[in-house]
N, C-alpha and C. Protein backbone atom coordinates (compact mmCIF):
# COMPACT_ATOMS: atom_id res chain seq x y z
N MET A 1 -72.61 33.42 10.55
CA MET A 1 -73.11 34.28 9.37
C MET A 1 -74.54 33.89 9.02
N ALA A 2 -75.25 34.78 8.48
CA ALA A 2 -76.67 34.66 8.10
C ALA A 2 -76.67 33.70 6.86
N ASN A 3 -77.82 32.93 6.89
CA ASN A 3 -78.02 32.16 5.76
C ASN A 3 -79.02 32.56 4.70
N HIS A 4 -79.99 33.47 5.02
CA HIS A 4 -80.98 33.87 4.11
C HIS A 4 -80.45 35.30 3.48
N LYS A 5 -80.88 35.36 2.19
CA LYS A 5 -80.49 36.58 1.44
C LYS A 5 -81.12 37.89 2.12
N SER A 6 -82.30 37.86 2.72
CA SER A 6 -82.88 38.95 3.25
C SER A 6 -82.29 39.36 4.58
N SER A 7 -81.63 38.28 5.37
CA SER A 7 -80.92 38.67 6.59
C SER A 7 -79.56 39.22 6.22
N ILE A 8 -78.90 38.75 5.21
CA ILE A 8 -77.70 39.42 4.69
C ILE A 8 -77.90 40.94 4.43
N LYS A 9 -79.00 41.09 3.69
CA LYS A 9 -79.26 42.51 3.24
C LYS A 9 -79.66 43.30 4.52
N ARG A 10 -80.36 42.74 5.45
CA ARG A 10 -80.74 43.48 6.69
C ARG A 10 -79.43 43.77 7.57
N ILE A 11 -78.45 42.94 7.56
CA ILE A 11 -77.21 43.25 8.24
C ILE A 11 -76.55 44.43 7.57
N ARG A 12 -76.57 44.38 6.36
CA ARG A 12 -75.84 45.44 5.56
C ARG A 12 -76.59 46.74 5.69
N SER A 13 -77.88 46.76 5.75
CA SER A 13 -78.69 47.98 5.92
C SER A 13 -78.64 48.55 7.35
N ASN A 14 -78.49 47.69 8.27
CA ASN A 14 -78.30 47.96 9.80
C ASN A 14 -76.93 48.71 9.93
N ASP A 15 -75.91 48.22 9.32
CA ASP A 15 -74.54 48.80 9.49
C ASP A 15 -74.65 50.30 8.93
N VAL A 16 -75.29 50.47 7.76
CA VAL A 16 -75.38 51.93 7.12
C VAL A 16 -76.17 52.72 8.12
N LYS A 17 -77.29 52.27 8.66
CA LYS A 17 -78.13 53.04 9.55
C LYS A 17 -77.44 53.37 10.80
N ARG A 18 -76.70 52.39 11.39
CA ARG A 18 -75.95 52.64 12.60
C ARG A 18 -74.93 53.63 12.39
N ASP A 19 -74.04 53.68 11.24
CA ASP A 19 -73.14 54.70 11.02
C ASP A 19 -73.72 55.95 10.91
N ARG A 20 -74.91 56.11 10.15
CA ARG A 20 -75.56 57.46 9.93
C ARG A 20 -76.04 57.98 11.32
N ASN A 21 -76.73 57.08 12.09
CA ASN A 21 -77.13 57.53 13.38
C ASN A 21 -76.01 58.03 14.39
N LYS A 22 -74.90 57.31 14.26
CA LYS A 22 -73.65 57.65 15.06
C LYS A 22 -73.30 59.14 14.68
N TYR A 23 -73.24 59.40 13.30
CA TYR A 23 -72.79 60.70 12.84
C TYR A 23 -73.67 61.71 13.30
N TYR A 24 -75.06 61.51 13.25
CA TYR A 24 -75.92 62.45 13.64
C TYR A 24 -75.86 62.77 15.06
N HIS A 25 -75.72 61.72 15.89
CA HIS A 25 -75.84 61.81 17.26
C HIS A 25 -74.54 62.65 17.77
N LYS A 26 -73.43 62.41 17.18
CA LYS A 26 -72.11 63.10 17.43
C LYS A 26 -72.40 64.51 17.05
N THR A 27 -72.86 64.84 15.86
CA THR A 27 -73.07 66.22 15.41
C THR A 27 -73.90 66.89 16.49
N MET A 28 -75.06 66.27 16.88
CA MET A 28 -76.01 66.90 17.98
C MET A 28 -75.14 67.23 19.16
N ARG A 29 -74.44 66.28 19.72
CA ARG A 29 -73.57 66.54 20.90
C ARG A 29 -72.60 67.66 20.90
N ASN A 30 -72.03 67.74 19.71
CA ASN A 30 -71.03 68.83 19.46
C ASN A 30 -71.74 70.18 19.38
N ALA A 31 -72.97 70.28 18.80
CA ALA A 31 -73.71 71.44 18.71
C ALA A 31 -74.11 71.88 20.07
N LEU A 32 -74.56 70.90 20.91
CA LEU A 32 -74.96 71.30 22.23
C LEU A 32 -73.78 71.67 23.15
N ARG A 33 -72.68 71.05 22.82
CA ARG A 33 -71.44 71.49 23.73
C ARG A 33 -71.08 72.77 23.20
N LYS A 34 -71.10 73.19 22.02
CA LYS A 34 -70.85 74.60 21.57
C LYS A 34 -71.85 75.60 22.16
N LEU A 35 -73.05 75.35 22.16
CA LEU A 35 -74.13 76.17 22.79
C LEU A 35 -73.88 76.23 24.17
N ARG A 36 -73.54 75.29 24.96
CA ARG A 36 -73.43 75.47 26.41
C ARG A 36 -72.13 76.10 26.78
N SER A 37 -71.19 76.12 25.98
CA SER A 37 -69.83 76.68 26.35
C SER A 37 -69.84 78.07 26.07
N SER A 38 -70.67 78.70 25.15
CA SER A 38 -70.88 80.17 24.83
C SER A 38 -71.50 80.77 26.12
N ASN A 39 -70.96 82.02 26.47
CA ASN A 39 -71.62 82.72 27.59
C ASN A 39 -72.32 84.03 27.21
N SER A 40 -72.20 84.47 25.89
CA SER A 40 -72.99 85.58 25.61
C SER A 40 -74.29 85.27 25.13
N LYS A 41 -75.27 86.13 25.45
CA LYS A 41 -76.68 85.71 25.15
C LYS A 41 -76.87 85.87 23.69
N ALA A 42 -76.29 86.74 22.97
CA ALA A 42 -76.61 87.02 21.61
C ALA A 42 -75.94 85.81 20.78
N GLU A 43 -74.85 85.28 21.24
CA GLU A 43 -74.30 84.11 20.45
C GLU A 43 -75.21 82.93 20.70
N VAL A 44 -75.68 82.73 22.03
CA VAL A 44 -76.46 81.57 22.22
C VAL A 44 -77.81 81.56 21.48
N GLU A 45 -78.41 82.92 21.36
CA GLU A 45 -79.68 83.05 20.62
C GLU A 45 -79.41 82.90 19.17
N LYS A 46 -78.19 83.16 18.68
CA LYS A 46 -77.95 82.94 17.32
C LYS A 46 -77.81 81.35 16.94
N ILE A 47 -77.25 80.76 17.89
CA ILE A 47 -76.90 79.23 17.52
C ILE A 47 -78.16 78.44 17.85
N ALA A 48 -78.99 78.84 18.90
CA ALA A 48 -80.19 77.99 19.30
C ALA A 48 -81.04 77.59 18.26
N PRO A 49 -81.60 78.53 17.30
CA PRO A 49 -82.55 77.78 16.28
C PRO A 49 -82.01 76.74 15.50
N SER A 50 -80.75 76.72 15.12
CA SER A 50 -80.29 75.64 14.19
C SER A 50 -80.02 74.32 15.11
N VAL A 51 -79.72 74.51 16.35
CA VAL A 51 -79.66 73.29 17.23
C VAL A 51 -81.07 72.82 17.52
N ILE A 52 -82.10 73.55 17.80
CA ILE A 52 -83.41 73.13 18.08
C ILE A 52 -83.92 72.42 16.92
N SER A 53 -83.62 73.01 15.69
CA SER A 53 -84.08 72.35 14.33
C SER A 53 -83.43 70.80 14.18
N LEU A 54 -82.12 70.95 14.56
CA LEU A 54 -81.45 69.63 14.38
C LEU A 54 -82.01 68.62 15.42
N LEU A 55 -82.31 68.95 16.64
CA LEU A 55 -83.01 68.22 17.68
C LEU A 55 -84.43 67.65 17.07
N ASP A 56 -85.12 68.53 16.57
CA ASP A 56 -86.47 68.22 15.99
C ASP A 56 -86.43 67.13 14.93
N LYS A 57 -85.45 67.38 14.04
CA LYS A 57 -85.20 66.38 12.92
C LYS A 57 -84.83 64.93 13.49
N LEU A 58 -83.85 65.04 14.46
CA LEU A 58 -83.43 63.58 15.08
C LEU A 58 -84.57 63.01 15.80
N GLY A 59 -85.39 63.79 16.50
CA GLY A 59 -86.53 63.15 17.14
C GLY A 59 -87.73 62.70 16.29
N LYS A 60 -87.75 63.30 15.21
CA LYS A 60 -88.71 62.89 14.20
C LYS A 60 -88.35 61.49 13.59
N ASN A 61 -87.11 61.35 13.29
CA ASN A 61 -86.51 60.16 12.62
C ASN A 61 -86.11 59.07 13.83
N SER A 62 -86.41 59.29 14.95
CA SER A 62 -86.15 58.39 16.05
C SER A 62 -84.67 58.02 16.29
N VAL A 63 -83.87 58.93 15.98
CA VAL A 63 -82.39 58.77 16.35
C VAL A 63 -82.25 58.94 17.78
N ILE A 64 -82.89 59.98 18.36
CA ILE A 64 -82.96 60.05 19.77
C ILE A 64 -84.51 60.22 20.11
N HIS A 65 -85.00 60.04 21.37
CA HIS A 65 -86.26 59.83 21.76
C HIS A 65 -86.87 61.19 21.80
N LYS A 66 -88.17 61.29 21.57
CA LYS A 66 -88.84 62.58 21.45
C LYS A 66 -88.79 63.29 22.81
N ASN A 67 -89.00 62.40 23.87
CA ASN A 67 -88.99 63.15 25.14
C ASN A 67 -87.72 63.71 25.47
N LYS A 68 -86.52 62.97 25.02
CA LYS A 68 -85.16 63.61 25.23
C LYS A 68 -85.08 65.02 24.55
N VAL A 69 -85.69 65.01 23.32
CA VAL A 69 -85.67 66.20 22.50
C VAL A 69 -86.37 67.38 23.26
N GLY A 70 -87.47 67.08 23.88
CA GLY A 70 -88.24 67.99 24.66
C GLY A 70 -87.35 68.51 25.82
N ASN A 71 -86.70 67.61 26.58
CA ASN A 71 -85.90 68.01 27.73
C ASN A 71 -84.83 68.85 27.24
N LEU A 72 -84.10 68.54 26.12
CA LEU A 72 -82.87 69.38 25.63
C LEU A 72 -83.43 70.79 25.23
N LYS A 73 -84.47 70.85 24.51
CA LYS A 73 -85.05 72.14 24.10
C LYS A 73 -85.43 72.95 25.36
N SER A 74 -85.94 72.36 26.31
CA SER A 74 -86.32 72.99 27.46
C SER A 74 -85.09 73.61 28.23
N SER A 75 -84.03 72.84 28.21
CA SER A 75 -82.75 73.17 28.90
C SER A 75 -82.11 74.42 28.06
N ILE A 76 -82.32 74.40 26.71
CA ILE A 76 -81.74 75.39 25.92
C ILE A 76 -82.55 76.66 26.23
N ALA A 77 -83.76 76.59 26.34
CA ALA A 77 -84.69 77.71 26.54
C ALA A 77 -84.32 78.36 28.00
N ARG A 78 -84.07 77.51 28.97
CA ARG A 78 -83.83 77.98 30.33
C ARG A 78 -82.40 78.63 30.19
N ARG A 79 -81.52 78.08 29.44
CA ARG A 79 -80.17 78.69 29.42
C ARG A 79 -80.24 80.08 28.80
N ILE A 80 -81.11 80.27 27.62
CA ILE A 80 -81.38 81.57 27.14
C ILE A 80 -81.85 82.68 28.15
N SER A 81 -82.80 82.21 28.94
CA SER A 81 -83.50 83.04 29.77
C SER A 81 -82.57 83.38 31.02
N HIS A 82 -81.62 82.61 31.38
CA HIS A 82 -80.88 82.86 32.60
C HIS A 82 -79.59 83.62 32.26
N LEU A 83 -79.32 83.79 30.96
CA LEU A 83 -78.12 84.60 30.66
C LEU A 83 -78.42 86.12 30.67
N SER A 84 -77.58 86.88 31.06
CA SER A 84 -77.98 88.23 31.14
C SER A 84 -77.44 88.99 29.93
């Protein structure tokens, strides 16, 4: 167990941040799963802006890496263009 008051506080805040990041990461994965599973172009175009917005927010706050955000957004755009 930690001896300093600041390290005890740091452990507590790290727990809160880890739980919050896990929630956002799982939400992102579920949104991507929903987007990838749909086959109609209209539905994908309807879902895509909210997923892209979520990805941008997570990249800005360093929940996921900015390069990964770019790769995911690119794959979403590719998926939209390949659907008929």
